[in-house]
Amino acid sequence: MIHHISISARDPKHVADVLAELMNGRTYPFPGGVADSFMAVSGDEHGSMIEVYPENVTLLPGEGEQQARAAYDATADYGPFHLLLSVPIDRAMVERIGEREGWRTRYFGRGAPGQPPAFHVIEFWLENRLMVEVATPDMLAEYTGMLRFDKLDGHFGNRAAA
C-alpha cells in the first residue's frame, strides 16, 4: 500500500490545498526542513498524505550513513518524487534485496530536525536514483499513528497552514 508521495509544484501551498480538498483533508506545513513545502493529509487510517515541494527542490542520496537531503537546484538526475511503501516483509529481507541489486538501502528516523524521530523507514534507492521509503509491518504503526488530525493539530497548535 502506498501511504505518501511527494511531488513538486510552482505553487506548493495552492496545490496542497486543492489536494487536501479533494481528499476531504487538511493542509499542514511540511516539518522536514524544506522551506515552502506543504502536506495534504487525508486523516484516514492509512496515513495517506501528499508532500508538495517547490519545483526547484530535488532529493539527493546521502553519503555513507547520512539520510537523503533536499537541495534547491533541480537537476535531470534527481527529483523530489518519492513514496512510502508498506511491505509484508521484514527489514532484513528489504536490506538483502537492496544489497543484491547494488542499490543504496539504509534505515533512518524521519521528523523535524533536532527532534526525536516521529517514525522510521528504510531508504531504498531504485537504480540508485529514485527513493522509495519502505515501511515493514513493525514500522507502520509509528507512521499511521503520527499522521492523524489530533496529533498534527496538537503539534501545529490546532491550526492548518494559512
N, C-alpha and C. Protein backbone atom coordinates (compact mmCIF):
# COMPACT_ATOMS: atom_id res chain seq x y z
N MET A 1 0.84 -1.18 0.00
CA MET A 1 0.00 0.00 0.00
C MET A 1 0.89 1.23 0.00
N ILE A 2 0.56 2.21 -0.80
CA ILE A 2 1.29 3.48 -0.82
C ILE A 2 0.63 4.41 0.20
N HIS A 3 1.45 5.01 1.09
CA HIS A 3 0.93 5.88 2.14
C HIS A 3 1.17 7.36 1.86
N HIS A 4 2.31 7.69 1.27
CA HIS A 4 2.50 9.07 0.86
C HIS A 4 3.41 9.14 -0.36
N ILE A 5 3.28 10.25 -1.06
CA ILE A 5 4.15 10.55 -2.19
C ILE A 5 4.57 12.00 -2.04
N SER A 6 5.59 12.39 -2.79
CA SER A 6 5.97 13.80 -2.84
C SER A 6 6.02 14.20 -4.30
N ILE A 7 5.61 15.43 -4.53
CA ILE A 7 5.61 15.99 -5.89
C ILE A 7 6.13 17.42 -5.80
N SER A 8 6.43 18.00 -6.95
CA SER A 8 6.81 19.41 -6.98
C SER A 8 5.71 20.21 -7.65
N ALA A 9 5.68 21.50 -7.34
CA ALA A 9 4.68 22.38 -7.92
C ALA A 9 5.21 23.80 -7.96
N ARG A 10 4.67 24.60 -8.86
CA ARG A 10 5.06 26.01 -8.91
C ARG A 10 4.50 26.76 -7.71
N ASP A 11 3.32 26.39 -7.25
CA ASP A 11 2.68 27.00 -6.08
C ASP A 11 2.33 25.88 -5.11
N PRO A 12 3.31 25.42 -4.31
CA PRO A 12 3.09 24.27 -3.44
C PRO A 12 1.92 24.40 -2.48
N LYS A 13 1.71 25.57 -1.91
CA LYS A 13 0.61 25.76 -0.95
C LYS A 13 -0.73 25.57 -1.64
N HIS A 14 -0.90 26.19 -2.79
CA HIS A 14 -2.17 26.08 -3.51
C HIS A 14 -2.43 24.63 -3.94
N VAL A 15 -1.42 23.99 -4.47
CA VAL A 15 -1.58 22.60 -4.91
C VAL A 15 -1.94 21.71 -3.72
N ALA A 16 -1.26 21.90 -2.58
CA ALA A 16 -1.58 21.12 -1.38
C ALA A 16 -3.01 21.39 -0.92
N ASP A 17 -3.45 22.65 -0.99
CA ASP A 17 -4.82 22.98 -0.59
C ASP A 17 -5.85 22.26 -1.47
N VAL A 18 -5.61 22.26 -2.77
CA VAL A 18 -6.55 21.60 -3.70
C VAL A 18 -6.55 20.09 -3.45
N LEU A 19 -5.38 19.51 -3.27
CA LEU A 19 -5.31 18.07 -2.99
C LEU A 19 -6.02 17.73 -1.67
N ALA A 20 -5.80 18.55 -0.65
CA ALA A 20 -6.46 18.31 0.63
C ALA A 20 -7.98 18.41 0.47
N GLU A 21 -8.43 19.36 -0.32
CA GLU A 21 -9.86 19.48 -0.57
C GLU A 21 -10.40 18.22 -1.25
N LEU A 22 -9.70 17.73 -2.24
CA LEU A 22 -10.13 16.52 -2.94
C LEU A 22 -10.19 15.32 -1.99
N MET A 23 -9.28 15.27 -1.01
CA MET A 23 -9.22 14.15 -0.07
C MET A 23 -10.11 14.38 1.16
N ASN A 24 -10.82 15.52 1.19
CA ASN A 24 -11.59 15.90 2.37
C ASN A 24 -10.67 15.94 3.59
N GLY A 25 -9.49 16.52 3.38
CA GLY A 25 -8.45 16.55 4.41
C GLY A 25 -8.07 17.96 4.80
N ARG A 26 -6.82 18.11 5.21
CA ARG A 26 -6.29 19.39 5.66
C ARG A 26 -4.88 19.58 5.12
N THR A 27 -4.46 20.84 5.06
CA THR A 27 -3.10 21.19 4.63
C THR A 27 -2.30 21.61 5.86
N TYR A 28 -1.06 21.11 5.95
CA TYR A 28 -0.14 21.48 7.03
C TYR A 28 1.21 21.84 6.41
N PRO A 29 1.99 22.72 7.09
CA PRO A 29 3.36 22.95 6.63
C PRO A 29 4.15 21.65 6.75
N PHE A 30 5.07 21.42 5.84
CA PHE A 30 5.90 20.23 5.91
C PHE A 30 7.03 20.48 6.90
N PRO A 31 7.15 19.66 7.97
CA PRO A 31 8.13 19.93 9.03
C PRO A 31 9.52 19.36 8.76
N GLY A 32 9.77 18.86 7.57
CA GLY A 32 11.02 18.16 7.30
C GLY A 32 12.19 19.04 6.91
N GLY A 33 12.13 20.34 7.14
CA GLY A 33 13.27 21.20 6.86
C GLY A 33 13.35 21.69 5.42
N VAL A 34 12.28 21.52 4.62
CA VAL A 34 12.27 22.02 3.25
C VAL A 34 11.32 23.22 3.21
N ALA A 35 11.89 24.42 3.02
CA ALA A 35 11.10 25.66 3.05
C ALA A 35 10.01 25.66 1.99
N ASP A 36 8.89 26.29 2.32
CA ASP A 36 7.77 26.47 1.39
C ASP A 36 7.20 25.16 0.87
N SER A 37 7.25 24.12 1.70
CA SER A 37 6.68 22.82 1.35
C SER A 37 5.48 22.55 2.27
N PHE A 38 4.52 21.80 1.74
CA PHE A 38 3.27 21.55 2.47
C PHE A 38 2.85 20.10 2.32
N MET A 39 1.97 19.67 3.25
CA MET A 39 1.42 18.32 3.21
C MET A 39 -0.09 18.41 3.06
N ALA A 40 -0.64 17.65 2.11
CA ALA A 40 -2.08 17.45 2.01
C ALA A 40 -2.35 16.12 2.71
N VAL A 41 -3.08 16.17 3.84
CA VAL A 41 -3.28 15.00 4.69
C VAL A 41 -4.75 14.59 4.65
N SER A 42 -4.99 13.32 4.39
CA SER A 42 -6.37 12.83 4.31
C SER A 42 -7.00 12.62 5.67
N GLY A 43 -6.21 12.29 6.69
CA GLY A 43 -6.74 11.96 8.00
C GLY A 43 -7.30 10.56 8.10
N ASP A 44 -7.09 9.72 7.07
CA ASP A 44 -7.63 8.37 7.10
C ASP A 44 -6.75 7.44 7.93
N GLU A 45 -7.21 6.23 8.13
CA GLU A 45 -6.50 5.27 8.98
C GLU A 45 -5.18 4.79 8.37
N HIS A 46 -4.93 5.11 7.11
CA HIS A 46 -3.70 4.68 6.45
C HIS A 46 -2.59 5.73 6.51
N GLY A 47 -2.89 6.92 6.99
CA GLY A 47 -1.89 7.99 7.00
C GLY A 47 -1.63 8.53 5.61
N SER A 48 -2.63 8.52 4.73
CA SER A 48 -2.46 8.98 3.35
C SER A 48 -2.11 10.46 3.32
N MET A 49 -1.05 10.80 2.57
CA MET A 49 -0.55 12.16 2.55
C MET A 49 0.22 12.41 1.26
N ILE A 50 0.16 13.65 0.76
CA ILE A 50 0.94 14.07 -0.40
C ILE A 50 1.78 15.26 0.02
N GLU A 51 3.11 15.14 -0.09
CA GLU A 51 4.03 16.25 0.17
C GLU A 51 4.17 17.04 -1.12
N VAL A 52 4.12 18.36 -1.03
CA VAL A 52 4.26 19.21 -2.21
C VAL A 52 5.42 20.16 -1.98
N TYR A 53 6.49 19.97 -2.75
CA TYR A 53 7.71 20.77 -2.66
C TYR A 53 7.73 21.84 -3.76
N PRO A 54 8.51 22.91 -3.56
CA PRO A 54 8.72 23.86 -4.66
C PRO A 54 9.37 23.15 -5.84
N GLU A 55 9.12 23.66 -7.02
CA GLU A 55 9.57 22.96 -8.24
C GLU A 55 11.10 22.85 -8.38
N ASN A 56 11.84 23.68 -7.67
CA ASN A 56 13.30 23.62 -7.79
C ASN A 56 13.96 22.69 -6.78
N VAL A 57 13.17 21.99 -5.96
CA VAL A 57 13.72 21.11 -4.93
C VAL A 57 13.99 19.72 -5.51
N THR A 58 15.12 19.17 -5.15
CA THR A 58 15.44 17.80 -5.50
C THR A 58 15.80 17.04 -4.23
N LEU A 59 15.67 15.74 -4.25
CA LEU A 59 16.15 14.89 -3.17
C LEU A 59 17.40 14.19 -3.67
N LEU A 60 18.44 14.24 -2.85
CA LEU A 60 19.71 13.63 -3.20
C LEU A 60 20.04 12.54 -2.18
N PRO A 61 20.65 11.45 -2.62
CA PRO A 61 21.03 10.42 -1.64
C PRO A 61 22.13 10.93 -0.73
N GLY A 62 22.11 10.46 0.53
CA GLY A 62 23.16 10.83 1.46
C GLY A 62 24.46 10.09 1.13
N GLU A 63 25.50 10.47 1.81
CA GLU A 63 26.80 9.80 1.69
C GLU A 63 26.97 8.89 2.89
N GLY A 64 27.49 7.70 2.70
CA GLY A 64 27.73 6.80 3.81
C GLY A 64 26.47 6.53 4.59
N GLU A 65 26.46 6.88 5.87
CA GLU A 65 25.31 6.62 6.73
C GLU A 65 24.35 7.81 6.83
N GLN A 66 24.53 8.85 6.01
CA GLN A 66 23.63 10.01 6.03
C GLN A 66 22.36 9.70 5.25
N GLN A 67 21.22 10.28 5.72
CA GLN A 67 19.97 10.08 5.00
C GLN A 67 19.84 11.06 3.84
N ALA A 68 18.80 10.88 3.04
CA ALA A 68 18.55 11.76 1.90
C ALA A 68 18.46 13.21 2.37
N ARG A 69 18.81 14.12 1.46
CA ARG A 69 18.74 15.53 1.80
C ARG A 69 18.10 16.29 0.65
N ALA A 70 17.49 17.42 0.98
CA ALA A 70 16.88 18.28 -0.02
C ALA A 70 17.92 19.27 -0.53
N ALA A 71 17.84 19.58 -1.80
CA ALA A 71 18.69 20.60 -2.41
C ALA A 71 17.79 21.49 -3.26
N TYR A 72 18.20 22.73 -3.45
CA TYR A 72 17.39 23.69 -4.20
C TYR A 72 17.99 23.96 -5.57
N ASP A 73 18.37 22.90 -6.24
CA ASP A 73 18.98 23.04 -7.57
C ASP A 73 18.56 21.87 -8.44
N ALA A 74 17.30 21.89 -8.87
CA ALA A 74 16.76 20.78 -9.64
C ALA A 74 17.70 20.40 -10.78
N THR A 75 17.96 19.11 -10.90
CA THR A 75 18.80 18.60 -11.98
C THR A 75 18.05 17.48 -12.68
N ALA A 76 18.54 17.06 -13.80
CA ALA A 76 17.90 15.97 -14.54
C ALA A 76 18.09 14.63 -13.83
N ASP A 77 19.11 14.51 -12.98
CA ASP A 77 19.40 13.23 -12.36
C ASP A 77 18.49 12.89 -11.18
N TYR A 78 17.98 13.88 -10.46
CA TYR A 78 17.17 13.63 -9.28
C TYR A 78 15.94 14.53 -9.29
N GLY A 79 14.91 14.12 -8.60
CA GLY A 79 13.70 14.92 -8.47
C GLY A 79 13.15 14.79 -7.07
N PRO A 80 12.09 15.53 -6.73
CA PRO A 80 11.55 15.48 -5.38
C PRO A 80 10.63 14.29 -5.15
N PHE A 81 10.26 13.57 -6.18
CA PHE A 81 9.30 12.48 -6.02
C PHE A 81 9.86 11.35 -5.17
N HIS A 82 9.05 10.89 -4.22
CA HIS A 82 9.32 9.65 -3.50
C HIS A 82 8.00 9.14 -2.97
N LEU A 83 7.98 7.92 -2.50
CA LEU A 83 6.76 7.37 -1.92
C LEU A 83 7.11 6.52 -0.72
N LEU A 84 6.13 6.36 0.17
CA LEU A 84 6.26 5.45 1.30
C LEU A 84 5.46 4.21 0.95
N LEU A 85 6.13 3.09 0.93
CA LEU A 85 5.52 1.83 0.54
C LEU A 85 5.58 0.87 1.71
N SER A 86 4.41 0.44 2.20
CA SER A 86 4.44 -0.57 3.26
C SER A 86 4.51 -1.94 2.60
N VAL A 87 5.30 -2.80 3.20
CA VAL A 87 5.55 -4.12 2.62
C VAL A 87 5.33 -5.20 3.68
N PRO A 88 5.05 -6.43 3.25
CA PRO A 88 4.79 -7.51 4.20
C PRO A 88 6.04 -8.29 4.61
N ILE A 89 7.23 -7.78 4.29
CA ILE A 89 8.48 -8.47 4.62
C ILE A 89 9.24 -7.70 5.69
N ASP A 90 10.24 -8.32 6.29
CA ASP A 90 10.97 -7.66 7.37
C ASP A 90 12.16 -6.86 6.84
N ARG A 91 12.75 -6.09 7.75
CA ARG A 91 13.86 -5.20 7.41
C ARG A 91 15.03 -5.97 6.80
N ALA A 92 15.36 -7.12 7.36
CA ALA A 92 16.49 -7.90 6.85
C ALA A 92 16.28 -8.30 5.39
N MET A 93 15.07 -8.68 5.04
CA MET A 93 14.78 -9.06 3.66
C MET A 93 14.88 -7.85 2.73
N VAL A 94 14.35 -6.71 3.17
CA VAL A 94 14.46 -5.48 2.36
C VAL A 94 15.93 -5.17 2.11
N GLU A 95 16.73 -5.24 3.16
CA GLU A 95 18.16 -4.93 3.02
C GLU A 95 18.87 -5.95 2.13
N ARG A 96 18.48 -7.22 2.21
CA ARG A 96 19.08 -8.24 1.33
C ARG A 96 18.76 -7.97 -0.14
N ILE A 97 17.53 -7.59 -0.40
CA ILE A 97 17.15 -7.28 -1.77
C ILE A 97 17.95 -6.09 -2.29
N GLY A 98 18.05 -5.02 -1.47
CA GLY A 98 18.83 -3.85 -1.88
C GLY A 98 20.28 -4.20 -2.14
N GLU A 99 20.86 -5.01 -1.26
CA GLU A 99 22.25 -5.44 -1.44
C GLU A 99 22.40 -6.25 -2.72
N ARG A 100 21.47 -7.15 -2.96
CA ARG A 100 21.53 -7.98 -4.17
C ARG A 100 21.55 -7.11 -5.43
N GLU A 101 20.75 -6.06 -5.42
CA GLU A 101 20.65 -5.19 -6.59
C GLU A 101 21.79 -4.17 -6.68
N GLY A 102 22.54 -4.00 -5.58
CA GLY A 102 23.57 -2.98 -5.56
C GLY A 102 23.00 -1.59 -5.38
N TRP A 103 21.81 -1.49 -4.79
CA TRP A 103 21.13 -0.21 -4.60
C TRP A 103 21.26 0.24 -3.15
N ARG A 104 21.50 1.52 -2.96
CA ARG A 104 21.61 2.10 -1.61
C ARG A 104 20.34 1.78 -0.82
N THR A 105 20.51 1.19 0.36
CA THR A 105 19.40 0.80 1.22
C THR A 105 19.83 1.06 2.65
N ARG A 106 19.18 2.05 3.34
CA ARG A 106 19.57 2.42 4.69
C ARG A 106 18.33 2.72 5.55
N TYR A 107 18.39 2.38 6.83
CA TYR A 107 17.33 2.60 7.81
C TYR A 107 17.54 3.96 8.47
N PHE A 108 16.46 4.78 8.53
CA PHE A 108 16.56 6.11 9.12
C PHE A 108 15.29 6.47 9.87
N GLY A 109 15.44 7.38 10.85
CA GLY A 109 14.30 8.01 11.50
C GLY A 109 13.94 9.27 10.72
N ARG A 110 12.65 9.60 10.70
CA ARG A 110 12.17 10.79 10.00
C ARG A 110 11.47 11.72 10.98
N GLY A 111 11.57 13.01 10.73
CA GLY A 111 10.90 14.01 11.55
C GLY A 111 11.59 15.35 11.45
N ALA A 112 11.18 16.26 12.29
CA ALA A 112 11.75 17.61 12.30
C ALA A 112 13.20 17.57 12.76
N PRO A 113 14.08 18.36 12.13
CA PRO A 113 15.48 18.39 12.54
C PRO A 113 15.64 18.73 14.02
N GLY A 114 16.53 18.01 14.70
CA GLY A 114 16.80 18.26 16.11
C GLY A 114 15.80 17.63 17.07
N GLN A 115 14.79 16.97 16.55
CA GLN A 115 13.78 16.31 17.38
C GLN A 115 13.92 14.79 17.26
N PRO A 116 13.39 14.03 18.22
CA PRO A 116 13.41 12.58 18.08
C PRO A 116 12.61 12.17 16.84
N PRO A 117 12.99 11.07 16.21
CA PRO A 117 12.25 10.65 15.01
C PRO A 117 10.77 10.41 15.31
N ALA A 118 9.92 10.82 14.39
CA ALA A 118 8.48 10.59 14.50
C ALA A 118 8.13 9.19 14.00
N PHE A 119 8.91 8.70 13.04
CA PHE A 119 8.73 7.36 12.51
C PHE A 119 10.02 6.94 11.81
N HIS A 120 10.10 5.68 11.44
CA HIS A 120 11.30 5.14 10.80
C HIS A 120 10.95 4.52 9.45
N VAL A 121 11.90 4.59 8.52
CA VAL A 121 11.75 4.00 7.19
C VAL A 121 13.09 3.43 6.75
N ILE A 122 13.04 2.67 5.69
CA ILE A 122 14.24 2.23 5.00
C ILE A 122 14.29 2.97 3.68
N GLU A 123 15.34 3.79 3.48
CA GLU A 123 15.52 4.42 2.17
C GLU A 123 15.98 3.35 1.21
N PHE A 124 15.24 3.14 0.18
CA PHE A 124 15.52 2.12 -0.83
C PHE A 124 15.59 2.85 -2.16
N TRP A 125 16.79 3.05 -2.68
CA TRP A 125 17.01 3.87 -3.87
C TRP A 125 16.97 3.01 -5.13
N LEU A 126 15.86 3.06 -5.85
CA LEU A 126 15.73 2.30 -7.09
C LEU A 126 16.77 2.78 -8.09
N GLU A 127 17.55 1.88 -8.61
CA GLU A 127 18.64 2.20 -9.55
C GLU A 127 19.56 3.28 -9.00
N ASN A 128 19.61 3.42 -7.68
CA ASN A 128 20.40 4.46 -7.01
C ASN A 128 20.04 5.85 -7.51
N ARG A 129 18.76 6.02 -7.90
CA ARG A 129 18.31 7.28 -8.46
C ARG A 129 16.98 7.77 -7.89
N LEU A 130 16.04 6.87 -7.61
CA LEU A 130 14.71 7.27 -7.16
C LEU A 130 14.43 6.64 -5.79
N MET A 131 14.11 7.48 -4.81
CA MET A 131 13.93 6.97 -3.45
C MET A 131 12.51 6.46 -3.20
N VAL A 132 12.45 5.26 -2.64
CA VAL A 132 11.21 4.70 -2.09
C VAL A 132 11.47 4.51 -0.61
N GLU A 133 10.63 5.10 0.24
CA GLU A 133 10.72 4.85 1.67
C GLU A 133 9.91 3.58 1.94
N VAL A 134 10.55 2.57 2.48
CA VAL A 134 9.90 1.29 2.74
C VAL A 134 9.62 1.18 4.24
N ALA A 135 8.38 0.78 4.56
CA ALA A 135 7.98 0.55 5.95
C ALA A 135 7.57 -0.92 6.09
N THR A 136 8.29 -1.63 6.95
CA THR A 136 7.95 -3.02 7.24
C THR A 136 6.78 -3.02 8.23
N PRO A 137 6.13 -4.17 8.44
CA PRO A 137 4.97 -4.19 9.34
C PRO A 137 5.25 -3.59 10.72
N ASP A 138 6.43 -3.80 11.28
CA ASP A 138 6.73 -3.26 12.60
C ASP A 138 7.01 -1.76 12.59
N MET A 139 7.20 -1.14 11.44
CA MET A 139 7.45 0.30 11.34
C MET A 139 6.17 1.09 11.07
N LEU A 140 5.16 0.44 10.53
CA LEU A 140 4.00 1.14 10.02
C LEU A 140 3.17 1.85 11.10
N ALA A 141 3.03 1.28 12.27
CA ALA A 141 2.20 1.88 13.32
C ALA A 141 2.72 3.26 13.73
N GLU A 142 4.05 3.44 13.77
CA GLU A 142 4.63 4.76 14.09
C GLU A 142 4.11 5.80 13.12
N TYR A 143 4.16 5.48 11.84
CA TYR A 143 3.76 6.42 10.80
C TYR A 143 2.27 6.73 10.86
N THR A 144 1.44 5.69 10.86
CA THR A 144 0.00 5.92 10.83
C THR A 144 -0.49 6.58 12.12
N GLY A 145 0.18 6.31 13.24
CA GLY A 145 -0.18 6.96 14.49
C GLY A 145 0.15 8.44 14.49
N MET A 146 1.18 8.83 13.75
CA MET A 146 1.61 10.22 13.71
C MET A 146 0.74 11.07 12.79
N LEU A 147 0.30 10.53 11.66
CA LEU A 147 -0.43 11.33 10.68
C LEU A 147 -1.93 11.26 10.91
N ARG A 148 -2.33 11.68 12.09
CA ARG A 148 -3.74 11.79 12.46
C ARG A 148 -4.00 13.25 12.81
N PHE A 149 -5.21 13.71 12.55
CA PHE A 149 -5.52 15.12 12.80
C PHE A 149 -5.26 15.52 14.24
N ASP A 150 -5.61 14.69 15.23
CA ASP A 150 -5.40 15.07 16.63
C ASP A 150 -3.92 15.28 16.92
N LYS A 151 -3.05 14.42 16.39
CA LYS A 151 -1.60 14.57 16.59
C LYS A 151 -1.08 15.81 15.87
N LEU A 152 -1.48 15.99 14.61
CA LEU A 152 -0.99 17.14 13.83
C LEU A 152 -1.52 18.46 14.38
N ASP A 153 -2.80 18.49 14.73
CA ASP A 153 -3.36 19.72 15.30
C ASP A 153 -2.66 20.06 16.61
N GLY A 154 -2.35 19.04 17.44
CA GLY A 154 -1.62 19.28 18.67
C GLY A 154 -0.23 19.84 18.41
N HIS A 155 0.45 19.29 17.42
CA HIS A 155 1.81 19.73 17.09
C HIS A 155 1.81 21.14 16.49
N PHE A 156 0.84 21.41 15.60
CA PHE A 156 0.81 22.70 14.93
C PHE A 156 -0.10 23.71 15.63
N GLY A 157 -0.46 23.45 16.89
CA GLY A 157 -1.28 24.41 17.62
C GLY A 157 -2.70 24.48 17.11
N ASN A 158 -3.24 23.35 16.66
CA ASN A 158 -4.61 23.27 16.17
C ASN A 158 -4.85 24.23 15.01
N ARG A 159 -3.84 24.43 14.20
CA ARG A 159 -4.00 25.31 13.03
C ARG A 159 -3.48 24.59 11.79
N ALA A 160 -4.25 24.64 10.77
CA ALA A 160 -3.79 24.16 9.46
C ALA A 160 -2.99 25.29 8.82
N ALA A 161 -2.27 25.00 7.77
CA ALA A 161 -1.47 26.03 7.09
C ALA A 161 -2.39 27.12 6.57
N ALA A 162 -2.03 28.38 6.83
CA ALA A 162 -2.85 29.51 6.40
C ALA A 162 -2.40 30.05 5.07
